[in-house]
């Protein structure tokens, strides 16, 4: 009797072929216990409640795991099973509800780490993309700067040409001004000479043809 009670408390072993539809096989260090309806439901419940589990106070986590994970499996007639080790792997042990809660809580913690790692990977991908976008933006700015430098250089060359043309124009203007001044001086001198000639002509006429 005591031996039977000890087996019930510790869980008893059964052949793996006796696993029911909604039984959940807990395999430590592996992704899951298989593709059974029980394990699929278990993984779905873990994924669905992982974020909420991370937000609730520590003292409420076990009750949360019981209500959201363990009870939905038990209510469907499922059990939480753990395979043996080594040669005993073909045989499984039925876990107590407390052990099932422990396994569910561990699975929920793992789900939180997986979600955080996934967010980190997405963040790194977005960061890499942002860095790539930043590099493209820098390259675009560099091309614009080079274009502006070429335009400034072309404007400087045009300014130099205009400056040289201005110097030539100033030279010819100076030459024109000097020639004009010289022409005006000669014109004035010629005018004076003509005046003197006219005066001499008047004197001669008066002497030759006195009144």
C-alpha atoms as a PDB file:
ATOM      1  CA  UNK A   1       0.000   0.000   0.000  1.00  0.00           C
ATOM      2  CA  UNK A   2       2.781   2.447   0.927  1.00  0.00           C
ATOM      3  CA  UNK A   3       4.654   1.493  -2.215  1.00  0.00           C
ATOM      4  CA  UNK A   4       1.560   2.178  -4.325  1.00  0.00           C
ATOM      5  CA  UNK A   5       1.101   5.542  -2.616  1.00  0.00           C
ATOM      6  CA  UNK A   6       4.765   6.413  -3.228  1.00  0.00           C
ATOM      7  CA  UNK A   7       4.358   5.610  -6.918  1.00  0.00           C
ATOM      8  CA  UNK A   8       1.270   7.804  -7.122  1.00  0.00           C
ATOM      9  CA  UNK A   9       3.045  10.689  -5.431  1.00  0.00           C
ATOM     10  CA  UNK A  10       6.171  10.352  -7.526  1.00  0.00           C
ATOM     11  CA  UNK A  11       4.318   9.491 -10.729  1.00  0.00           C
ATOM     12  CA  UNK A  12       4.259   6.118 -12.403  1.00  0.00           C
ATOM     13  CA  UNK A  13       5.816   4.926 -15.648  1.00  0.00           C
ATOM     14  CA  UNK A  14       3.861   3.769 -18.673  1.00  0.00           C
ATOM     15  CA  UNK A  15       4.685   2.790 -22.214  1.00  0.00           C
ATOM     16  CA  UNK A  16       4.993   5.694 -24.708  1.00  0.00           C
ATOM     17  CA  UNK A  17       2.361   4.045 -26.932  1.00  0.00           C
ATOM     18  CA  UNK A  18      -0.234   4.901 -24.287  1.00  0.00           C
ATOM     19  CA  UNK A  19       0.136   8.652 -24.793  1.00  0.00           C
ATOM     20  CA  UNK A  20      -3.289  10.239 -25.245  1.00  0.00           C
ATOM     21  CA  UNK A  21      -4.427  12.832 -27.760  1.00  0.00           C
ATOM     22  CA  UNK A  22      -4.136  15.816 -25.404  1.00  0.00           C
ATOM     23  CA  UNK A  23      -1.186  14.543 -23.379  1.00  0.00           C
ATOM     24  CA  UNK A  24       1.767  16.941 -23.339  1.00  0.00           C
ATOM     25  CA  UNK A  25       5.238  15.414 -23.526  1.00  0.00           C
ATOM     26  CA  UNK A  26       7.792  17.690 -21.832  1.00  0.00           C
ATOM     27  CA  UNK A  27      11.207  17.175 -23.406  1.00  0.00           C
ATOM     28  CA  UNK A  28      13.928  19.163 -21.696  1.00  0.00           C
ATOM     29  CA  UNK A  29      16.402  20.881 -23.992  1.00  0.00           C
ATOM     30  CA  UNK A  30      14.289  20.292 -27.086  1.00  0.00           C
ATOM     31  CA  UNK A  31      11.931  22.482 -29.037  1.00  0.00           C
ATOM     32  CA  UNK A  32       8.830  20.474 -28.234  1.00  0.00           C
ATOM     33  CA  UNK A  33       7.335  17.115 -27.471  1.00  0.00           C
ATOM     34  CA  UNK A  34       6.041  16.337 -30.912  1.00  0.00           C
ATOM     35  CA  UNK A  35       3.135  17.147 -33.168  1.00  0.00           C
ATOM     36  CA  UNK A  36       0.328  15.758 -31.038  1.00  0.00           C
ATOM     37  CA  UNK A  37      -2.809  17.812 -30.390  1.00  0.00           C
ATOM     38  CA  UNK A  38      -1.781  18.191 -26.751  1.00  0.00           C
ATOM     39  CA  UNK A  39       1.661  19.579 -27.559  1.00  0.00           C
ATOM     40  CA  UNK A  40       0.293  21.837 -30.283  1.00  0.00           C
ATOM     41  CA  UNK A  41      -2.265  23.262 -27.852  1.00  0.00           C
ATOM     42  CA  UNK A  42       0.426  23.598 -25.190  1.00  0.00           C
ATOM     43  CA  UNK A  43       2.763  25.538 -27.515  1.00  0.00           C
ATOM     44  CA  UNK A  44      -0.132  27.719 -28.659  1.00  0.00           C
ATOM     45  CA  UNK A  45      -1.090  28.558 -25.065  1.00  0.00           C
ATOM     46  CA  UNK A  46       2.554  29.339 -24.201  1.00  0.00           C
ATOM     47  CA  UNK A  47       2.954  31.644 -27.172  1.00  0.00           C
ATOM     48  CA  UNK A  48      -0.380  33.345 -26.546  1.00  0.00           C
ATOM     49  CA  UNK A  49       0.279  34.040 -22.847  1.00  0.00           C
ATOM     50  CA  UNK A  50       4.035  34.664 -22.852  1.00  0.00           C
ATOM     51  CA  UNK A  51       3.895  38.459 -22.879  1.00  0.00           C
ATOM     52  CA  UNK A  52       1.152  38.630 -20.236  1.00  0.00           C
ATOM     53  CA  UNK A  53       3.124  36.268 -17.990  1.00  0.00           C
ATOM     54  CA  UNK A  54       6.148  38.561 -18.141  1.00  0.00           C
ATOM     55  CA  UNK A  55       4.088  41.536 -16.921  1.00  0.00           C
ATOM     56  CA  UNK A  56       2.323  40.041 -13.877  1.00  0.00           C
ATOM     57  CA  UNK A  57       3.823  40.102 -10.329  1.00  0.00           C
ATOM     58  CA  UNK A  58       5.973  37.159  -9.259  1.00  0.00           C
ATOM     59  CA  UNK A  59       3.524  36.005  -6.577  1.00  0.00           C
ATOM     60  CA  UNK A  60       0.814  35.565  -9.220  1.00  0.00           C
ATOM     61  CA  UNK A  61       2.870  33.740 -11.828  1.00  0.00           C
ATOM     62  CA  UNK A  62       2.122  30.178 -10.636  1.00  0.00           C
ATOM     63  CA  UNK A  63      -1.619  30.791 -10.527  1.00  0.00           C
ATOM     64  CA  UNK A  64      -1.377  32.341 -13.987  1.00  0.00           C
ATOM     65  CA  UNK A  65       0.447  29.270 -15.332  1.00  0.00           C
ATOM     66  CA  UNK A  66      -2.155  26.996 -13.762  1.00  0.00           C
ATOM     67  CA  UNK A  67      -5.177  28.868 -15.087  1.00  0.00           C
ATOM     68  CA  UNK A  68      -3.864  29.700 -18.566  1.00  0.00           C
ATOM     69  CA  UNK A  69      -1.661  26.678 -19.380  1.00  0.00           C
ATOM     70  CA  UNK A  70      -2.078  23.640 -17.158  1.00  0.00           C
ATOM     71  CA  UNK A  71      -5.855  23.573 -16.534  1.00  0.00           C
ATOM     72  CA  UNK A  72      -6.832  23.852 -20.243  1.00  0.00           C
ATOM     73  CA  UNK A  73      -4.777  20.697 -20.894  1.00  0.00           C
ATOM     74  CA  UNK A  74      -6.109  18.795 -17.878  1.00  0.00           C
ATOM     75  CA  UNK A  75      -9.703  19.792 -18.659  1.00  0.00           C
ATOM     76  CA  UNK A  76      -9.362  18.071 -22.043  1.00  0.00           C
ATOM     77  CA  UNK A  77      -8.234  14.871 -20.370  1.00  0.00           C
ATOM     78  CA  UNK A  78      -4.585  15.523 -21.102  1.00  0.00           C
ATOM     79  CA  UNK A  79      -1.626  14.786 -18.853  1.00  0.00           C
ATOM     80  CA  UNK A  80       1.866  16.185 -18.544  1.00  0.00           C
ATOM     81  CA  UNK A  81       4.432  13.515 -19.289  1.00  0.00           C
ATOM     82  CA  UNK A  82       8.194  13.411 -19.044  1.00  0.00           C
ATOM     83  CA  UNK A  83      10.266  10.849 -20.997  1.00  0.00           C
ATOM     84  CA  UNK A  84      12.860   8.742 -19.287  1.00  0.00           C
ATOM     85  CA  UNK A  85      16.602   9.095 -19.820  1.00  0.00           C
ATOM     86  CA  UNK A  86      18.816   6.853 -21.917  1.00  0.00           C
ATOM     87  CA  UNK A  87      17.417   3.354 -22.276  1.00  0.00           C
ATOM     88  CA  UNK A  88      14.338   4.414 -20.327  1.00  0.00           C
ATOM     89  CA  UNK A  89      13.446   7.071 -22.922  1.00  0.00           C
ATOM     90  CA  UNK A  90      10.703   4.854 -24.327  1.00  0.00           C
ATOM     91  CA  UNK A  91       8.914   5.104 -20.998  1.00  0.00           C
ATOM     92  CA  UNK A  92       7.422   8.301 -19.608  1.00  0.00           C
ATOM     93  CA  UNK A  93       6.439   9.564 -16.177  1.00  0.00           C
ATOM     94  CA  UNK A  94       3.224  11.371 -15.358  1.00  0.00           C
ATOM     95  CA  UNK A  95       4.060  14.691 -13.723  1.00  0.00           C
ATOM     96  CA  UNK A  96       2.157  16.033 -10.771  1.00  0.00           C
ATOM     97  CA  UNK A  97       0.215  19.249 -11.248  1.00  0.00           C
ATOM     98  CA  UNK A  98       2.886  21.171  -9.384  1.00  0.00           C
ATOM     99  CA  UNK A  99       5.590  19.778 -11.659  1.00  0.00           C
ATOM    100  CA  UNK A 100       3.421  20.606 -14.660  1.00  0.00           C
ATOM    101  CA  UNK A 101       3.133  24.167 -13.362  1.00  0.00           C
ATOM    102  CA  UNK A 102       6.918  24.353 -12.974  1.00  0.00           C
ATOM    103  CA  UNK A 103       7.379  23.129 -16.541  1.00  0.00           C
ATOM    104  CA  UNK A 104       4.816  25.617 -17.849  1.00  0.00           C
ATOM    105  CA  UNK A 105       6.454  28.512 -15.972  1.00  0.00           C
ATOM    106  CA  UNK A 106       9.848  27.564 -17.380  1.00  0.00           C
ATOM    107  CA  UNK A 107       8.354  27.382 -20.866  1.00  0.00           C
ATOM    108  CA  UNK A 108       6.797  30.834 -20.400  1.00  0.00           C
ATOM    109  CA  UNK A 109      10.162  32.251 -19.305  1.00  0.00           C
ATOM    110  CA  UNK A 110      11.807  30.682 -22.367  1.00  0.00           C
ATOM    111  CA  UNK A 111       9.094  32.212 -24.537  1.00  0.00           C
ATOM    112  CA  UNK A 112       9.947  35.661 -23.114  1.00  0.00           C
ATOM    113  CA  UNK A 113      13.644  35.168 -23.919  1.00  0.00           C
ATOM    114  CA  UNK A 114      12.832  33.949 -27.432  1.00  0.00           C
ATOM    115  CA  UNK A 115      10.566  36.960 -28.063  1.00  0.00           C
ATOM    116  CA  UNK A 116      13.227  39.354 -26.745  1.00  0.00           C
ATOM    117  CA  UNK A 117      15.877  37.712 -28.923  1.00  0.00           C
ATOM    118  CA  UNK A 118      13.589  37.961 -31.934  1.00  0.00           C
ATOM    119  CA  UNK A 119      12.951  41.637 -31.236  1.00  0.00           C
ATOM    120  CA  UNK A 120      16.692  42.143 -30.909  1.00  0.00           C
ATOM    121  CA  UNK A 121      17.272  40.434 -34.255  1.00  0.00           C
ATOM    122  CA  UNK A 122      14.601  42.597 -35.846  1.00  0.00           C
ATOM    123  CA  UNK A 123      16.160  45.660 -34.215  1.00  0.00           C
ATOM    124  CA  UNK A 124      19.567  44.705 -35.575  1.00  0.00           C
ATOM    125  CA  UNK A 125      18.069  44.183 -39.015  1.00  0.00           C
ATOM    126  CA  UNK A 126      16.343  47.561 -38.811  1.00  0.00           C
ATOM    127  CA  UNK A 127      19.565  49.105 -37.518  1.00  0.00           C
ATOM    128  CA  UNK A 128      21.495  47.582 -40.395  1.00  0.00           C
ATOM    129  CA  UNK A 129      18.870  48.834 -42.800  1.00  0.00           C
ATOM    130  CA  UNK A 130      18.955  52.252 -41.162  1.00  0.00           C
ATOM    131  CA  UNK A 131      22.742  52.235 -41.386  1.00  0.00           C
ATOM    132  CA  UNK A 132      22.492  51.284 -45.037  1.00  0.00           C
ATOM    133  CA  UNK A 133      19.957  54.059 -45.608  1.00  0.00           C
ATOM    134  CA  UNK A 134      22.287  56.429 -43.763  1.00  0.00           C
ATOM    135  CA  UNK A 135      25.194  55.386 -45.977  1.00  0.00           C
ATOM    136  CA  UNK A 136      23.107  55.973 -49.091  1.00  0.00           C
ATOM    137  CA  UNK A 137      22.093  59.391 -47.759  1.00  0.00           C
ATOM    138  CA  UNK A 138      25.741  60.281 -47.072  1.00  0.00           C
ATOM    139  CA  UNK A 139      26.693  59.163 -50.579  1.00  0.00           C
ATOM    140  CA  UNK A 140      23.902  61.316 -52.048  1.00  0.00           C
ATOM    141  CA  UNK A 141      25.075  64.326 -50.045  1.00  0.00           C
ATOM    142  CA  UNK A 142      28.658  63.726 -51.159  1.00  0.00           C
ATOM    143  CA  UNK A 143      27.580  63.732 -54.804  1.00  0.00           C
ATOM    144  CA  UNK A 144      25.626  66.959 -54.266  1.00  0.00           C
ATOM    145  CA  UNK A 145      28.631  68.613 -52.636  1.00  0.00           C
ATOM    146  CA  UNK A 146      30.874  67.565 -55.523  1.00  0.00           C
ATOM    147  CA  UNK A 147      28.363  68.985 -57.975  1.00  0.00           C
ATOM    148  CA  UNK A 148      28.279  72.287 -56.078  1.00  0.00           C
ATOM    149  CA  UNK A 149      32.092  72.410 -56.056  1.00  0.00           C
ATOM    150  CA  UNK A 150      32.151  71.970 -59.830  1.00  0.00           C
ATOM    151  CA  UNK A 151      29.557  74.716 -60.269  1.00  0.00           C
ATOM    152  CA  UNK A 152      31.528  77.104 -58.042  1.00  0.00           C
ATOM    153  CA  UNK A 153      34.704  76.336 -59.986  1.00  0.00           C
ATOM    154  CA  UNK A 154      32.910  77.046 -63.278  1.00  0.00           C
ATOM    155  CA  UNK A 155      31.575  80.345 -61.875  1.00  0.00           C
ATOM    156  CA  UNK A 156      35.060  81.333 -60.738  1.00  0.00           C
ATOM    157  CA  UNK A 157      36.410  80.677 -64.223  1.00  0.00           C
ATOM    158  CA  UNK A 158      33.633  82.810 -65.749  1.00  0.00           C
ATOM    159  CA  UNK A 159      34.352  85.569 -63.238  1.00  0.00           C
ATOM    160  CA  UNK A 160      38.047  85.504 -64.181  1.00  0.00           C
ATOM    161  CA  UNK A 161      37.214  85.758 -67.882  1.00  0.00           C
ATOM    162  CA  UNK A 162      34.871  88.683 -67.237  1.00  0.00           C
ATOM    163  CA  UNK A 163      37.546  90.380 -65.144  1.00  0.00           C
ATOM    164  CA  UNK A 164      40.083  90.045 -67.975  1.00  0.00           C
ATOM    165  CA  UNK A 165      37.577  91.374 -70.491  1.00  0.00           C
ATOM    166  CA  UNK A 166      36.910  94.272 -68.144  1.00  0.00           C
ATOM    167  CA  UNK A 167      40.607  95.064 -68.063  1.00  0.00           C
ATOM    168  CA  UNK A 168      40.746  95.037 -71.869  1.00  0.00           C
ATOM    169  CA  UNK A 169      37.721  97.302 -72.034  1.00  0.00           C
ATOM    170  CA  UNK A 170      39.305  99.678 -69.530  1.00  0.00           C
ATOM    171  CA  UNK A 171      42.499  99.761 -71.621  1.00  0.00           C
ATOM    172  CA  UNK A 172      40.646 100.601 -74.823  1.00  0.00           C
ATOM    173  CA  UNK A 173      38.477 103.092 -73.006  1.00  0.00           C
ATOM    174  CA  UNK A 174      41.591 104.787 -71.694  1.00  0.00           C
ATOM    175  CA  UNK A 175      43.029 104.805 -75.210  1.00  0.00           C
ATOM    176  CA  UNK A 176      39.781 106.238 -76.542  1.00  0.00           C
ATOM    177  CA  UNK A 177      39.681 108.894 -73.851  1.00  0.00           C
ATOM    178  CA  UNK A 178      43.275 109.873 -74.583  1.00  0.00           C
ATOM    179  CA  UNK A 179      42.633 109.995 -78.335  1.00  0.00           C
ATOM    180  CA  UNK A 180      39.495 112.003 -77.813  1.00  0.00           C
ATOM    181  CA  UNK A 181      41.315 114.504 -75.636  1.00  0.00           C
ATOM    182  CA  UNK A 182      44.056 114.772 -78.242  1.00  0.00           C
ATOM    183  CA  UNK A 183      41.478 115.242 -80.995  1.00  0.00           C
ATOM    184  CA  UNK A 184      39.743 117.957 -79.022  1.00  0.00           C
ATOM    185  CA  UNK A 185      43.065 119.719 -78.409  1.00  0.00           C
ATOM    186  CA  UNK A 186      43.952 119.563 -82.126  1.00  0.00           C
ATOM    187  CA  UNK A 187      40.455 120.697 -83.047  1.00  0.00           C
ATOM    188  CA  UNK A 188      40.766 123.650 -80.703  1.00  0.00           C
ATOM    189  CA  UNK A 189      44.211 124.491 -82.083  1.00  0.00           C
ATOM    190  CA  UNK A 190      42.881 124.269 -85.653  1.00  0.00           C
ATOM    191  CA  UNK A 191      40.004 126.519 -84.728  1.00  0.00           C
ATOM    192  CA  UNK A 192      42.383 129.112 -83.383  1.00  0.00           C
ATOM    193  CA  UNK A 193      44.494 128.911 -86.538  1.00  0.00           C
ATOM    194  CA  UNK A 194      41.419 129.358 -88.683  1.00  0.00           C
ATOM    195  CA  UNK A 195      40.445 132.369 -86.629  1.00  0.00           C
ATOM    196  CA  UNK A 196      43.879 133.894 -87.131  1.00  0.00           C
ATOM    197  CA  UNK A 197      43.693 133.201 -90.862  1.00  0.00           C
ATOM    198  CA  UNK A 198      40.299 134.848 -91.045  1.00  0.00           C
ATOM    199  CA  UNK A 199      41.633 137.869 -89.193  1.00  0.00           C
ATOM    200  CA  UNK A 200      44.647 138.112 -91.540  1.00  0.00           C
ATOM    201  CA  UNK A 201      42.359 137.765 -94.530  1.00  0.00           C
ATOM    202  CA  UNK A 202      40.214 140.656 -93.315  1.00  0.00           C
ATOM    203  CA  UNK A 203      43.272 142.834 -92.836  1.00  0.00           C
ATOM    204  CA  UNK A 204      44.574 142.069 -96.349  1.00  0.00           C
ATOM    205  CA  UNK A 205      41.214 142.786 -97.939  1.00  0.00           C
ATOM    206  CA  UNK A 206      40.951 146.101 -96.170  1.00  0.00           C
ATOM    207  CA  UNK A 207      44.432 147.097 -97.314  1.00  0.00           C
ATOM    208  CA  UNK A 208      43.868 146.003-100.910  1.00  0.00           C
ATOM    209  CA  UNK A 209      40.389 147.375-101.166  1.00  0.00           C
ATOM    210  CA  UNK A 210      40.212 150.369 -98.972  1.00  0.00           C
ATOM    211  CA  UNK A 211      36.832 151.996 -98.628  1.00  0.00           C
END
